[in-house]
C-alpha atoms as a PDB file:
ATOM      1  CA  MET A   1       0.000   0.000   0.000  1.00  0.00           C
ATOM      2  CA  ILE A   2       1.282   3.482  -0.889  1.00  0.00           C
ATOM      3  CA  ARG A   3       0.327   6.408   1.271  1.00  0.00           C
ATOM      4  CA  SER A   4       1.041   9.993   0.312  1.00  0.00           C
ATOM      5  CA  ILE A   5       3.073  12.058   2.728  1.00  0.00           C
ATOM      6  CA  GLU A   6       1.205  15.130   1.539  1.00  0.00           C
ATOM      7  CA  PRO A   7      -1.219  16.324   4.218  1.00  0.00           C
ATOM      8  CA  ASP A   8      -4.879  16.181   3.399  1.00  0.00           C
ATOM      9  CA  GLU A   9      -6.281  19.677   2.909  1.00  0.00           C
ATOM     10  CA  ASN A  10      -8.777  18.928   5.696  1.00  0.00           C
ATOM     11  CA  GLU A  11      -5.930  18.278   8.140  1.00  0.00           C
ATOM     12  CA  VAL A  12      -4.108  21.590   7.598  1.00  0.00           C
ATOM     13  CA  PRO A  13      -5.611  24.859   8.794  1.00  0.00           C
ATOM     14  CA  ALA A  14      -5.917  27.528   6.116  1.00  0.00           C
ATOM     15  CA  ARG A  15      -2.824  29.695   5.824  1.00  0.00           C
ATOM     16  CA  LYS A  16      -3.504  33.246   6.911  1.00  0.00           C
ATOM     17  CA  GLU A  17      -1.668  36.122   5.313  1.00  0.00           C
ATOM     18  CA  HIS A  18       0.094  38.558   7.584  1.00  0.00           C
ATOM     19  CA  PRO A  19      -2.272  41.494   8.082  1.00  0.00           C
ATOM     20  CA  GLY A  20      -1.576  44.383   5.726  1.00  0.00           C
ATOM     21  CA  THR A  21       0.931  42.469   3.582  1.00  0.00           C
ATOM     22  CA  ALA A  22      -0.003  41.630   0.024  1.00  0.00           C
ATOM     23  CA  ARG A  23       3.399  40.163  -0.908  1.00  0.00           C
ATOM     24  CA  ALA A  24       6.714  39.519   0.766  1.00  0.00           C
ATOM     25  CA  GLY A  25       9.632  41.893   0.333  1.00  0.00           C
ATOM     26  CA  TRP A  26      13.225  41.373   1.309  1.00  0.00           C
ATOM     27  CA  ILE A  27      16.676  42.952   1.505  1.00  0.00           C
ATOM     28  CA  GLU A  28      19.643  41.772  -0.561  1.00  0.00           C
ATOM     29  CA  VAL A  29      23.125  43.101   0.252  1.00  0.00           C
ATOM     30  CA  ILE A  30      26.145  42.809  -2.056  1.00  0.00           C
ATOM     31  CA  VAL A  31      29.446  43.622  -0.307  1.00  0.00           C
ATOM     32  CA  GLY A  32      33.146  43.328  -0.989  1.00  0.00           C
ATOM     33  CA  SER A  33      36.289  45.308  -1.682  1.00  0.00           C
ATOM     34  CA  MET A  34      36.801  47.757  -4.512  1.00  0.00           C
ATOM     35  CA  PHE A  35      37.189  46.092  -7.931  1.00  0.00           C
ATOM     36  CA  SER A  36      35.338  42.963  -6.747  1.00  0.00           C
ATOM     37  CA  GLY A  37      32.305  43.290  -9.046  1.00  0.00           C
ATOM     38  CA  LYS A  38      29.686  44.648  -6.613  1.00  0.00           C
ATOM     39  CA  SER A  39      28.231  47.154  -9.070  1.00  0.00           C
ATOM     40  CA  GLU A  40      28.368  44.589 -11.896  1.00  0.00           C
ATOM     41  CA  GLU A  41      26.401  42.134  -9.746  1.00  0.00           C
ATOM     42  CA  LEU A  42      23.877  44.849  -8.872  1.00  0.00           C
ATOM     43  CA  ILE A  43      23.488  45.758 -12.566  1.00  0.00           C
ATOM     44  CA  ARG A  44      23.094  42.053 -13.468  1.00  0.00           C
ATOM     45  CA  ARG A  45      20.247  41.712 -10.971  1.00  0.00           C
ATOM     46  CA  LEU A  46      18.614  44.906 -12.257  1.00  0.00           C
ATOM     47  CA  ARG A  47      18.772  43.659 -15.850  1.00  0.00           C
ATOM     48  CA  ARG A  48      17.151  40.378 -14.823  1.00  0.00           C
ATOM     49  CA  ALA A  49      14.391  42.298 -13.018  1.00  0.00           C
ATOM     50  CA  LYS A  50      13.800  44.326 -16.195  1.00  0.00           C
ATOM     51  CA  ILE A  51      13.555  41.122 -18.254  1.00  0.00           C
ATOM     52  CA  ALA A  52      10.955  39.895 -15.751  1.00  0.00           C
ATOM     53  CA  ARG A  53       9.090  43.194 -16.328  1.00  0.00           C
ATOM     54  CA  GLN A  54       9.474  44.223 -12.709  1.00  0.00           C
ATOM     55  CA  LYS A  55       9.364  47.900 -11.845  1.00  0.00           C
ATOM     56  CA  ILE A  56      12.786  49.058 -10.726  1.00  0.00           C
ATOM     57  CA  GLN A  57      14.173  52.273  -9.323  1.00  0.00           C
ATOM     58  CA  VAL A  58      17.900  52.775  -8.823  1.00  0.00           C
ATOM     59  CA  PHE A  59      19.621  55.295  -6.561  1.00  0.00           C
ATOM     60  CA  LYS A  60      23.197  56.278  -5.826  1.00  0.00           C
ATOM     61  CA  PRO A  61      24.699  58.860  -3.470  1.00  0.00           C
ATOM     62  CA  GLU A  62      25.414  62.341  -4.778  1.00  0.00           C
ATOM     63  CA  ILE A  63      29.020  62.043  -3.595  1.00  0.00           C
ATOM     64  CA  ASP A  64      29.737  59.331  -6.212  1.00  0.00           C
ATOM     65  CA  SER A  65      29.963  61.100  -9.560  1.00  0.00           C
ATOM     66  CA  ARG A  66      33.205  59.418 -10.670  1.00  0.00           C
ATOM     67  CA  PHE A  67      31.891  57.954 -13.918  1.00  0.00           C
ATOM     68  CA  SER A  68      28.421  59.487 -14.373  1.00  0.00           C
ATOM     69  CA  ASP A  69      25.904  61.722 -12.655  1.00  0.00           C
ATOM     70  CA  ASN A  70      22.857  59.713 -13.739  1.00  0.00           C
ATOM     71  CA  HIS A  71      24.103  56.105 -13.968  1.00  0.00           C
ATOM     72  CA  ILE A  72      25.628  53.563 -11.645  1.00  0.00           C
ATOM     73  CA  VAL A  73      28.806  52.481 -13.410  1.00  0.00           C
ATOM     74  CA  SER A  74      31.154  49.616 -12.644  1.00  0.00           C
ATOM     75  CA  HIS A  75      34.932  49.950 -12.932  1.00  0.00           C
ATOM     76  CA  SER A  76      34.652  47.921 -16.162  1.00  0.00           C
ATOM     77  CA  GLU A  77      32.238  50.581 -17.487  1.00  0.00           C
ATOM     78  CA  ILE A  78      29.019  48.544 -17.332  1.00  0.00           C
ATOM     79  CA  LYS A  79      26.251  50.997 -16.471  1.00  0.00           C
ATOM     80  CA  HIS A  80      22.578  51.349 -15.554  1.00  0.00           C
ATOM     81  CA  GLU A  81      20.426  54.467 -15.190  1.00  0.00           C
ATOM     82  CA  SER A  82      19.982  55.857 -11.680  1.00  0.00           C
ATOM     83  CA  ALA A  83      18.825  58.916  -9.784  1.00  0.00           C
ATOM     84  CA  ASN A  84      21.033  60.893  -7.417  1.00  0.00           C
ATOM     85  CA  VAL A  85      19.383  61.067  -4.016  1.00  0.00           C
ATOM     86  CA  ARG A  86      20.469  61.097  -0.397  1.00  0.00           C
ATOM     87  CA  THR A  87      19.125  57.629   0.414  1.00  0.00           C
ATOM     88  CA  SER A  88      19.359  54.098  -1.192  1.00  0.00           C
ATOM     89  CA  ALA A  89      21.110  51.378  -3.456  1.00  0.00           C
ATOM     90  CA  ASP A  90      24.653  51.512  -4.985  1.00  0.00           C
ATOM     91  CA  GLU A  91      27.624  52.562  -2.796  1.00  0.00           C
ATOM     92  CA  GLY A  92      25.619  51.941   0.393  1.00  0.00           C
ATOM     93  CA  GLN A  93      28.583  52.846   2.630  1.00  0.00           C
ATOM     94  CA  PHE A  94      28.160  56.504   1.654  1.00  0.00           C
ATOM     95  CA  PHE A  95      24.684  56.683   3.223  1.00  0.00           C
ATOM     96  CA  ASP A  96      23.908  57.221   6.888  1.00  0.00           C
ATOM     97  CA  ASN A  97      22.162  54.753   9.212  1.00  0.00           C
ATOM     98  CA  GLU A  98      18.763  55.958   7.979  1.00  0.00           C
ATOM     99  CA  LEU A  99      19.347  53.577   5.046  1.00  0.00           C
ATOM    100  CA  ILE A 100      18.674  50.659   7.418  1.00  0.00           C
ATOM    101  CA  ALA A 101      15.254  51.967   8.482  1.00  0.00           C
ATOM    102  CA  ILE A 102      14.297  52.896   4.909  1.00  0.00           C
ATOM    103  CA  SER A 103      15.351  49.465   3.611  1.00  0.00           C
ATOM    104  CA  ASN A 104      13.385  47.689   6.349  1.00  0.00           C
ATOM    105  CA  GLU A 105      10.300  49.840   5.698  1.00  0.00           C
ATOM    106  CA  LEU A 106      10.419  49.142   1.949  1.00  0.00           C
ATOM    107  CA  ALA A 107      10.885  45.393   2.494  1.00  0.00           C
ATOM    108  CA  GLU A 108       7.941  45.357   4.909  1.00  0.00           C
ATOM    109  CA  ARG A 109       5.841  46.998   2.169  1.00  0.00           C
ATOM    110  CA  GLY A 110       6.691  44.149  -0.201  1.00  0.00           C
ATOM    111  CA  VAL A 111       9.602  45.731  -2.055  1.00  0.00           C
ATOM    112  CA  ARG A 112      12.744  43.863  -3.078  1.00  0.00           C
ATOM    113  CA  VAL A 113      15.617  46.075  -1.870  1.00  0.00           C
ATOM    114  CA  ILE A 114      19.127  45.515  -3.270  1.00  0.00           C
ATOM    115  CA  ILE A 115      22.073  47.433  -1.806  1.00  0.00           C
ATOM    116  CA  ALA A 116      25.687  47.174  -2.934  1.00  0.00           C
ATOM    117  CA  GLY A 117      28.636  48.699  -1.100  1.00  0.00           C
ATOM    118  CA  LEU A 118      31.995  48.386   0.577  1.00  0.00           C
ATOM    119  CA  ASP A 119      31.870  46.483   3.866  1.00  0.00           C
ATOM    120  CA  GLN A 120      35.246  47.883   5.052  1.00  0.00           C
ATOM    121  CA  ASP A 121      36.999  51.232   4.816  1.00  0.00           C
ATOM    122  CA  TYR A 122      40.618  51.725   3.700  1.00  0.00           C
ATOM    123  CA  THR A 123      41.871  50.762   7.188  1.00  0.00           C
ATOM    124  CA  GLY A 124      40.004  47.453   7.137  1.00  0.00           C
ATOM    125  CA  LYS A 125      37.360  48.566   9.669  1.00  0.00           C
ATOM    126  CA  PRO A 126      33.645  47.827   9.119  1.00  0.00           C
ATOM    127  CA  TRP A 127      31.932  50.689   7.292  1.00  0.00           C
ATOM    128  CA  GLU A 128      28.515  51.638   8.577  1.00  0.00           C
ATOM    129  CA  PRO A 129      25.762  51.147   7.678  1.00  0.00           C
ATOM    130  CA  MET A 130      26.837  48.012   5.777  1.00  0.00           C
ATOM    131  CA  PRO A 131      27.357  45.723   8.845  1.00  0.00           C
ATOM    132  CA  GLN A 132      23.875  46.609  10.141  1.00  0.00           C
ATOM    133  CA  LEU A 133      22.371  45.971   6.688  1.00  0.00           C
ATOM    134  CA  LEU A 134      24.098  42.584   6.593  1.00  0.00           C
ATOM    135  CA  ALA A 135      22.437  41.756   9.915  1.00  0.00           C
ATOM    136  CA  VAL A 136      18.902  42.451   8.639  1.00  0.00           C
ATOM    137  CA  ALA A 137      19.304  41.183   5.043  1.00  0.00           C
ATOM    138  CA  GLU A 138      17.636  37.991   3.903  1.00  0.00           C
ATOM    139  CA  TYR A 139      20.252  37.474   1.165  1.00  0.00           C
ATOM    140  CA  ILE A 140      23.971  38.340   1.277  1.00  0.00           C
ATOM    141  CA  THR A 141      26.558  38.139  -1.509  1.00  0.00           C
ATOM    142  CA  LYS A 142      30.240  38.670  -0.670  1.00  0.00           C
ATOM    143  CA  THR A 143      32.331  39.447  -3.749  1.00  0.00           C
ATOM    144  CA  HIS A 144      36.117  39.233  -3.980  1.00  0.00           C
ATOM    145  CA  ALA A 145      38.614  40.915  -6.264  1.00  0.00           C
ATOM    146  CA  ILE A 146      42.065  39.583  -7.147  1.00  0.00           C
ATOM    147  CA  CYS A 147      45.023  40.832  -5.093  1.00  0.00           C
ATOM    148  CA  VAL A 148      47.241  42.922  -7.374  1.00  0.00           C
ATOM    149  CA  LYS A 149      50.340  41.871  -5.408  1.00  0.00           C
ATOM    150  CA  CYS A 150      50.020  38.075  -5.235  1.00  0.00           C
ATOM    151  CA  GLY A 151      46.919  36.981  -7.195  1.00  0.00           C
ATOM    152  CA  GLN A 152      44.993  35.569  -4.213  1.00  0.00           C
ATOM    153  CA  PRO A 153      41.321  36.467  -3.535  1.00  0.00           C
ATOM    154  CA  ALA A 154      41.236  40.074  -2.277  1.00  0.00           C
ATOM    155  CA  ASN A 155      38.975  41.271   0.519  1.00  0.00           C
ATOM    156  CA  TYR A 156      40.504  44.714   1.178  1.00  0.00           C
ATOM    157  CA  SER A 157      40.587  48.096  -0.581  1.00  0.00           C
ATOM    158  CA  GLN A 158      44.175  49.320  -0.287  1.00  0.00           C
ATOM    159  CA  ARG A 159      44.532  53.111  -0.415  1.00  0.00           C
ATOM    160  CA  ILE A 160      47.683  54.008  -2.344  1.00  0.00           C
ATOM    161  CA  PHE A 161      47.753  57.763  -1.758  1.00  0.00           C
ATOM    162  CA  GLU A 162      48.175  59.816   1.405  1.00  0.00           C
ATOM    163  CA  SER A 163      44.949  60.973   3.044  1.00  0.00           C
ATOM    164  CA  GLU A 164      43.465  60.472   6.485  1.00  0.00           C
ATOM    165  CA  GLU A 165      39.908  61.233   5.277  1.00  0.00           C
ATOM    166  CA  ARG A 166      37.666  58.210   5.622  1.00  0.00           C
ATOM    167  CA  VAL A 167      35.749  59.132   2.466  1.00  0.00           C
ATOM    168  CA  ALA A 168      37.982  59.708  -0.546  1.00  0.00           C
ATOM    169  CA  VAL A 169      36.015  58.703  -3.636  1.00  0.00           C
ATOM    170  CA  GLY A 170      38.341  57.194  -6.196  1.00  0.00           C
ATOM    171  CA  ALA A 171      39.126  54.346  -8.535  1.00  0.00           C
ATOM    172  CA  ALA A 172      42.179  52.751 -10.142  1.00  0.00           C
ATOM    173  CA  GLY A 173      45.275  54.801  -9.370  1.00  0.00           C
ATOM    174  CA  MET A 174      43.933  55.628  -5.893  1.00  0.00           C
ATOM    175  CA  TYR A 175      43.041  52.150  -4.590  1.00  0.00           C
ATOM    176  CA  GLU A 176      44.097  48.559  -5.186  1.00  0.00           C
ATOM    177  CA  ALA A 177      42.503  45.244  -4.290  1.00  0.00           C
ATOM    178  CA  ARG A 178      44.604  43.352  -1.717  1.00  0.00           C
ATOM    179  CA  CYS A 179      44.384  40.046   0.149  1.00  0.00           C
ATOM    180  CA  ARG A 180      44.767  39.785   3.931  1.00  0.00           C
ATOM    181  CA  GLN A 181      48.523  39.115   3.747  1.00  0.00           C
ATOM    182  CA  CYS A 182      49.305  41.996   1.340  1.00  0.00           C
ATOM    183  CA  PHE A 183      46.974  44.585   2.901  1.00  0.00           C
ATOM    184  CA  VAL A 184      48.617  47.455   4.836  1.00  0.00           C
ATOM    185  CA  PRO A 185      46.174  49.553   6.882  1.00  0.00           C
ATOM    186  CA  HIS A 186      46.307  53.199   5.829  1.00  0.00           C
ATOM    187  CA  ALA A 187      48.239  54.237   2.714  1.00  0.00           C
ATOM    188  CA  ASP A 188      50.795  52.049   0.952  1.00  0.00           C
ATOM    189  CA  ALA A 189      52.851  52.541  -2.213  1.00  0.00           C
ATOM    190  CA  PRO A 190      51.184  51.355  -5.411  1.00  0.00           C
ATOM    191  CA  THR A 191      52.074  47.915  -6.730  1.00  0.00           C
ATOM    192  CA  ILE A 192      54.491  48.037  -9.649  1.00  0.00           C
ATOM    193  CA  HIS A 193      54.631  45.049 -11.971  1.00  0.00           C
ATOM    194  CA  PRO A 194      57.709  44.646 -14.156  1.00  0.00           C
ATOM    195  CA  ASP A 195      57.047  44.599 -17.907  1.00  0.00           C
ATOM    196  CA  TYR A 196      57.683  41.157 -19.349  1.00  0.00           C
END
């Protein structure tokens, strides 16, 4: 005799929706060092959402105008339209702790929230509000670059110019990806590779 392990619909009480919630939302956080592909991963997810005909809205901080004022742009020049505002998505480390409350509120309203940003500053210390966002996120992606000194997976953003400012927006020529062994807190000389 074969008996199904599926419960009979008469045995299971009807599932009740949470009051006031039509659909579930969640928070996704993409973190890693500079040059690790965080913005590329964010753009990939946005493109997939567009293919699925989902409504999307993309934000970046006003402070980050390195490549474009109205796009999020990866270091490899992949880009997606965005709006400059003081709260939400790419370069999450440049926002204040209000980003946590806003993200939670949006997720509770059924919105999929995706935030990409550095999880550590140039000294290797956690960079708020990213650690707090990691704590409340349903989904976390940690990206890694390649250490420019030894080729191992890199988890740190090495500053290669002198400045004690925590926020110094920059790209190649100002920062390098480094592994734990090659990382030097604070500024270090740039890596020079001999021409072969």
